[in-house]
Amino acid sequence: MAADPEAVLSGIFEKNLELWGFIASNVGLLAVLRAYAPGWVSFIITGMLGLFGWFAVKGGKKQYEARAEVTFHRRRASYYEEIMGNRAMDNERMLFHYAGEMNDRFLEESRKVTQLAAATEIQECYSMEKERWKGATSRNGRKCSSLKTL
C-alpha cells in the first residue's frame, strides 16, 4: 500500500489530465490538416503520428514492466528488513535458527533491488539521451549525466 494515497491519486489525476490534453491537441492538429491540407499530406502525417504513438506506448510498456519488477523486489526487501528489525520476532528467529536464512534472503533481495533499479535508471536515461533532450531528468529527479559515475 502506498505511503501517501492522496499523492498517488493526485498524480494519477494529473497524468490523465495530461493525456487528455495531448489527445485534444492531436485531434485539433488532425482537424486543421483535414481542412486545409491535401488528402495525401494529412494521410502521411496521420500515419507518422500513429507510428510515433505506437513506439511511445511500446517504450512506456517496457519501462512500466521494469519499474514493476523493481517495486516487487523493493517491497520484499522491505518486508525482510521489517522482520529482521522486529524485536518480538527475534526470539523466534534464534529459537528456530532462522536468522541466518533471513539475513541471506534480505541481502539477496537488496542486491536485486539495487541492480534492477540502476539498470532501469540507466535505460531510461539512455532513451532520453538518445532523443537528445537537453537537461532531461529521470523520474527520481537526478540528472542523467550524473549516472555516468555508476
C-alpha atoms as a PDB file:
ATOM      1  CA  MET A   1       0.000   0.000   0.000  1.00  0.00           C
ATOM      2  CA  ALA A   2       1.222   3.469  -0.801  1.00  0.00           C
ATOM      3  CA  ALA A   3       2.600   5.619   1.985  1.00  0.00           C
ATOM      4  CA  ASP A   4       0.589   8.631   0.809  1.00  0.00           C
ATOM      5  CA  PRO A   5      -2.530   7.554  -1.146  1.00  0.00           C
ATOM      6  CA  GLU A   6      -3.607  11.151  -1.699  1.00  0.00           C
ATOM      7  CA  ALA A   7      -0.363  11.953  -3.534  1.00  0.00           C
ATOM      8  CA  VAL A   8      -0.691   8.805  -5.634  1.00  0.00           C
ATOM      9  CA  LEU A   9      -4.280   9.626  -6.615  1.00  0.00           C
ATOM     10  CA  SER A  10      -3.448  13.236  -7.427  1.00  0.00           C
ATOM     11  CA  GLY A  11      -0.524  12.024  -9.559  1.00  0.00           C
ATOM     12  CA  ILE A  12      -2.861   9.678 -11.446  1.00  0.00           C
ATOM     13  CA  PHE A  13      -5.332  12.514 -11.952  1.00  0.00           C
ATOM     14  CA  GLU A  14      -2.598  14.825 -13.281  1.00  0.00           C
ATOM     15  CA  LYS A  15      -1.296  12.163 -15.691  1.00  0.00           C
ATOM     16  CA  ASN A  16      -4.823  11.524 -17.003  1.00  0.00           C
ATOM     17  CA  LEU A  17      -5.349  15.251 -17.443  1.00  0.00           C
ATOM     18  CA  GLU A  18      -2.073  15.496 -19.394  1.00  0.00           C
ATOM     19  CA  LEU A  19      -3.135  12.552 -21.570  1.00  0.00           C
ATOM     20  CA  TRP A  20      -6.482  14.106 -22.435  1.00  0.00           C
ATOM     21  CA  GLY A  21      -4.775  17.423 -23.220  1.00  0.00           C
ATOM     22  CA  PHE A  22      -2.373  15.600 -25.527  1.00  0.00           C
ATOM     23  CA  ILE A  23      -5.231  13.795 -27.274  1.00  0.00           C
ATOM     24  CA  ALA A  24      -7.175  17.053 -27.699  1.00  0.00           C
ATOM     25  CA  SER A  25      -4.172  18.823 -29.224  1.00  0.00           C
ATOM     26  CA  ASN A  26      -3.580  15.979 -31.683  1.00  0.00           C
ATOM     27  CA  VAL A  27      -7.242  15.860 -32.689  1.00  0.00           C
ATOM     28  CA  GLY A  28      -7.098  19.619 -33.275  1.00  0.00           C
ATOM     29  CA  LEU A  29      -3.982  19.205 -35.423  1.00  0.00           C
ATOM     30  CA  LEU A  30      -5.648  16.485 -37.491  1.00  0.00           C
ATOM     31  CA  ALA A  31      -8.785  18.610 -37.928  1.00  0.00           C
ATOM     32  CA  VAL A  32      -6.705  21.505 -39.255  1.00  0.00           C
ATOM     33  CA  LEU A  33      -4.825  19.143 -41.574  1.00  0.00           C
ATOM     34  CA  ARG A  34      -8.080  17.702 -42.936  1.00  0.00           C
ATOM     35  CA  ALA A  35      -9.493  21.164 -43.515  1.00  0.00           C
ATOM     36  CA  TYR A  36      -6.539  22.885 -45.195  1.00  0.00           C
ATOM     37  CA  ALA A  37      -4.067  20.270 -46.463  1.00  0.00           C
ATOM     38  CA  PRO A  38      -4.369  17.908 -49.418  1.00  0.00           C
ATOM     39  CA  GLY A  39      -5.642  14.427 -48.545  1.00  0.00           C
ATOM     40  CA  TRP A  40      -2.359  12.627 -49.163  1.00  0.00           C
ATOM     41  CA  VAL A  41      -0.417  15.021 -46.884  1.00  0.00           C
ATOM     42  CA  SER A  42      -2.823  14.568 -43.996  1.00  0.00           C
ATOM     43  CA  PHE A  43      -2.738  10.799 -44.575  1.00  0.00           C
ATOM     44  CA  ILE A  44       1.085  10.712 -44.340  1.00  0.00           C
ATOM     45  CA  ILE A  45       1.200  12.932 -41.247  1.00  0.00           C
ATOM     46  CA  THR A  46      -1.543  10.870 -39.576  1.00  0.00           C
ATOM     47  CA  GLY A  47       0.425   7.691 -40.314  1.00  0.00           C
ATOM     48  CA  MET A  48       3.605   9.187 -38.868  1.00  0.00           C
ATOM     49  CA  LEU A  49       1.799  10.325 -35.702  1.00  0.00           C
ATOM     50  CA  GLY A  50       0.298   6.859 -35.326  1.00  0.00           C
ATOM     51  CA  LEU A  51       3.715   5.261 -35.729  1.00  0.00           C
ATOM     52  CA  PHE A  52       5.273   7.604 -33.157  1.00  0.00           C
ATOM     53  CA  GLY A  53       2.420   6.847 -30.766  1.00  0.00           C
ATOM     54  CA  TRP A  54       2.935   3.121 -31.214  1.00  0.00           C
ATOM     55  CA  PHE A  55       6.658   3.430 -30.409  1.00  0.00           C
ATOM     56  CA  ALA A  56       5.876   5.596 -27.375  1.00  0.00           C
ATOM     57  CA  VAL A  57       3.413   3.041 -25.998  1.00  0.00           C
ATOM     58  CA  LYS A  58       5.851   0.213 -26.647  1.00  0.00           C
ATOM     59  CA  GLY A  59       8.682   2.040 -24.835  1.00  0.00           C
ATOM     60  CA  GLY A  60       6.403   3.053 -21.969  1.00  0.00           C
ATOM     61  CA  LYS A  61       5.296  -0.542 -21.523  1.00  0.00           C
ATOM     62  CA  LYS A  62       8.906  -1.710 -21.198  1.00  0.00           C
ATOM     63  CA  GLN A  63       9.652   0.972 -18.607  1.00  0.00           C
ATOM     64  CA  TYR A  64       6.497   0.155 -16.663  1.00  0.00           C
ATOM     65  CA  GLU A  65       7.359  -3.553 -16.540  1.00  0.00           C
ATOM     66  CA  ALA A  66      10.894  -2.790 -15.381  1.00  0.00           C
ATOM     67  CA  ARG A  67       9.651  -0.476 -12.636  1.00  0.00           C
ATOM     68  CA  ALA A  68       7.032  -3.032 -11.543  1.00  0.00           C
ATOM     69  CA  GLU A  69       9.760  -5.640 -11.151  1.00  0.00           C
ATOM     70  CA  VAL A  70      11.897  -3.234  -9.113  1.00  0.00           C
ATOM     71  CA  THR A  71       8.909  -2.377  -6.911  1.00  0.00           C
ATOM     72  CA  PHE A  72       8.182  -6.065  -6.272  1.00  0.00           C
ATOM     73  CA  HIS A  73      11.728  -6.742  -5.086  1.00  0.00           C
ATOM     74  CA  ARG A  74      11.840  -3.480  -3.101  1.00  0.00           C
ATOM     75  CA  ARG A  75       8.690  -4.451  -1.187  1.00  0.00           C
ATOM     76  CA  ARG A  76      10.054  -7.915  -0.497  1.00  0.00           C
ATOM     77  CA  ALA A  77      13.332  -6.468   0.810  1.00  0.00           C
ATOM     78  CA  SER A  78      11.384  -4.036   2.980  1.00  0.00           C
ATOM     79  CA  TYR A  79       9.381  -6.939   4.411  1.00  0.00           C
ATOM     80  CA  TYR A  80      12.542  -8.864   5.280  1.00  0.00           C
ATOM     81  CA  GLU A  81      14.033  -5.752   6.843  1.00  0.00           C
ATOM     82  CA  GLU A  82      10.922  -5.287   8.964  1.00  0.00           C
ATOM     83  CA  ILE A  83      11.041  -8.910  10.123  1.00  0.00           C
ATOM     84  CA  MET A  84      14.734  -8.660  10.951  1.00  0.00           C
ATOM     85  CA  GLY A  85      14.282  -5.420  12.867  1.00  0.00           C
ATOM     86  CA  ASN A  86      11.289  -6.583  14.910  1.00  0.00           C
ATOM     87  CA  ARG A  87      12.354  -7.412  18.465  1.00  0.00           C
ATOM     88  CA  ALA A  88       9.267  -9.520  19.095  1.00  0.00           C
ATOM     89  CA  MET A  89      10.336 -11.952  16.383  1.00  0.00           C
ATOM     90  CA  ASP A  90      13.960 -12.032  17.460  1.00  0.00           C
ATOM     91  CA  ASN A  91      13.450 -14.910  19.901  1.00  0.00           C
ATOM     92  CA  GLU A  92      11.640 -16.997  17.289  1.00  0.00           C
ATOM     93  CA  ARG A  93      14.395 -16.456  14.737  1.00  0.00           C
ATOM     94  CA  MET A  94      17.024 -17.542  17.244  1.00  0.00           C
ATOM     95  CA  LEU A  95      14.981 -20.475  18.543  1.00  0.00           C
ATOM     96  CA  PHE A  96      14.415 -21.969  15.098  1.00  0.00           C
ATOM     97  CA  HIS A  97      17.848 -20.953  13.717  1.00  0.00           C
ATOM     98  CA  TYR A  98      16.180 -18.853  11.082  1.00  0.00           C
ATOM     99  CA  ALA A  99      18.239 -15.671  11.462  1.00  0.00           C
ATOM    100  CA  GLY A 100      20.959 -16.677   9.001  1.00  0.00           C
ATOM    101  CA  GLU A 101      18.481 -17.574   6.289  1.00  0.00           C
ATOM    102  CA  MET A 102      16.567 -14.316   6.794  1.00  0.00           C
ATOM    103  CA  ASN A 103      19.794 -12.336   6.516  1.00  0.00           C
ATOM    104  CA  ASP A 104      20.670 -14.151   3.287  1.00  0.00           C
ATOM    105  CA  ARG A 105      17.216 -13.514   1.813  1.00  0.00           C
ATOM    106  CA  PHE A 106      17.364  -9.850   2.777  1.00  0.00           C
ATOM    107  CA  LEU A 107      20.814  -9.406   1.240  1.00  0.00           C
ATOM    108  CA  GLU A 108      19.745 -11.191  -1.945  1.00  0.00           C
ATOM    109  CA  GLU A 109      16.656  -9.011  -2.358  1.00  0.00           C
ATOM    110  CA  SER A 110      18.637  -5.851  -1.576  1.00  0.00           C
ATOM    111  CA  ARG A 111      21.165  -6.727  -4.285  1.00  0.00           C
ATOM    112  CA  LYS A 112      18.380  -7.405  -6.782  1.00  0.00           C
ATOM    113  CA  VAL A 113      16.737  -4.073  -5.986  1.00  0.00           C
ATOM    114  CA  THR A 114      19.999  -2.189  -6.395  1.00  0.00           C
ATOM    115  CA  GLN A 115      20.885  -3.872  -9.681  1.00  0.00           C
ATOM    116  CA  LEU A 116      17.404  -3.624 -11.203  1.00  0.00           C
ATOM    117  CA  ALA A 117      16.916  -0.011 -10.123  1.00  0.00           C
ATOM    118  CA  ALA A 118      20.265   1.005 -11.598  1.00  0.00           C
ATOM    119  CA  ALA A 119      19.558  -0.854 -14.843  1.00  0.00           C
ATOM    120  CA  THR A 120      16.118   0.749 -15.134  1.00  0.00           C
ATOM    121  CA  GLU A 121      17.519   4.208 -14.420  1.00  0.00           C
ATOM    122  CA  ILE A 122      20.297   3.785 -16.980  1.00  0.00           C
ATOM    123  CA  GLN A 123      17.856   2.506 -19.612  1.00  0.00           C
ATOM    124  CA  GLU A 124      15.515   5.436 -19.009  1.00  0.00           C
ATOM    125  CA  CYS A 125      18.321   7.977 -19.230  1.00  0.00           C
ATOM    126  CA  TYR A 126      19.774   6.295 -22.310  1.00  0.00           C
ATOM    127  CA  SER A 127      16.463   6.594 -24.110  1.00  0.00           C
ATOM    128  CA  MET A 128      16.265  10.264 -23.103  1.00  0.00           C
ATOM    129  CA  GLU A 129      19.801  10.936 -24.286  1.00  0.00           C
ATOM    130  CA  LYS A 130      19.089   9.081 -27.497  1.00  0.00           C
ATOM    131  CA  GLU A 131      16.362  11.586 -28.201  1.00  0.00           C
ATOM    132  CA  ARG A 132      18.879  14.347 -27.385  1.00  0.00           C
ATOM    133  CA  TRP A 133      16.714  16.020 -24.795  1.00  0.00           C
ATOM    134  CA  LYS A 134      18.936  18.570 -23.153  1.00  0.00           C
ATOM    135  CA  GLY A 135      18.665  18.723 -19.389  1.00  0.00           C
ATOM    136  CA  ALA A 136      16.369  15.707 -19.151  1.00  0.00           C
ATOM    137  CA  THR A 137      15.884  14.346 -15.673  1.00  0.00           C
ATOM    138  CA  SER A 138      14.969  10.865 -14.598  1.00  0.00           C
ATOM    139  CA  ARG A 139      11.841  10.102 -12.580  1.00  0.00           C
ATOM    140  CA  ASN A 140      13.624  10.458  -9.270  1.00  0.00           C
ATOM    141  CA  GLY A 141      14.869  13.913 -10.256  1.00  0.00           C
ATOM    142  CA  ARG A 142      18.540  13.103 -10.888  1.00  0.00           C
ATOM    143  CA  LYS A 143      20.200  14.460 -13.958  1.00  0.00           C
ATOM    144  CA  CYS A 144      21.036  11.722 -16.416  1.00  0.00           C
ATOM    145  CA  SER A 145      24.608  12.924 -16.705  1.00  0.00           C
ATOM    146  CA  SER A 146      25.131  12.011 -13.040  1.00  0.00           C
ATOM    147  CA  LEU A 147      24.649   8.334 -13.932  1.00  0.00           C
ATOM    148  CA  LYS A 148      27.959   8.236 -15.792  1.00  0.00           C
ATOM    149  CA  THR A 149      29.649   7.584 -12.451  1.00  0.00           C
ATOM    150  CA  LEU A 150      27.825   4.246 -11.973  1.00  0.00           C
END
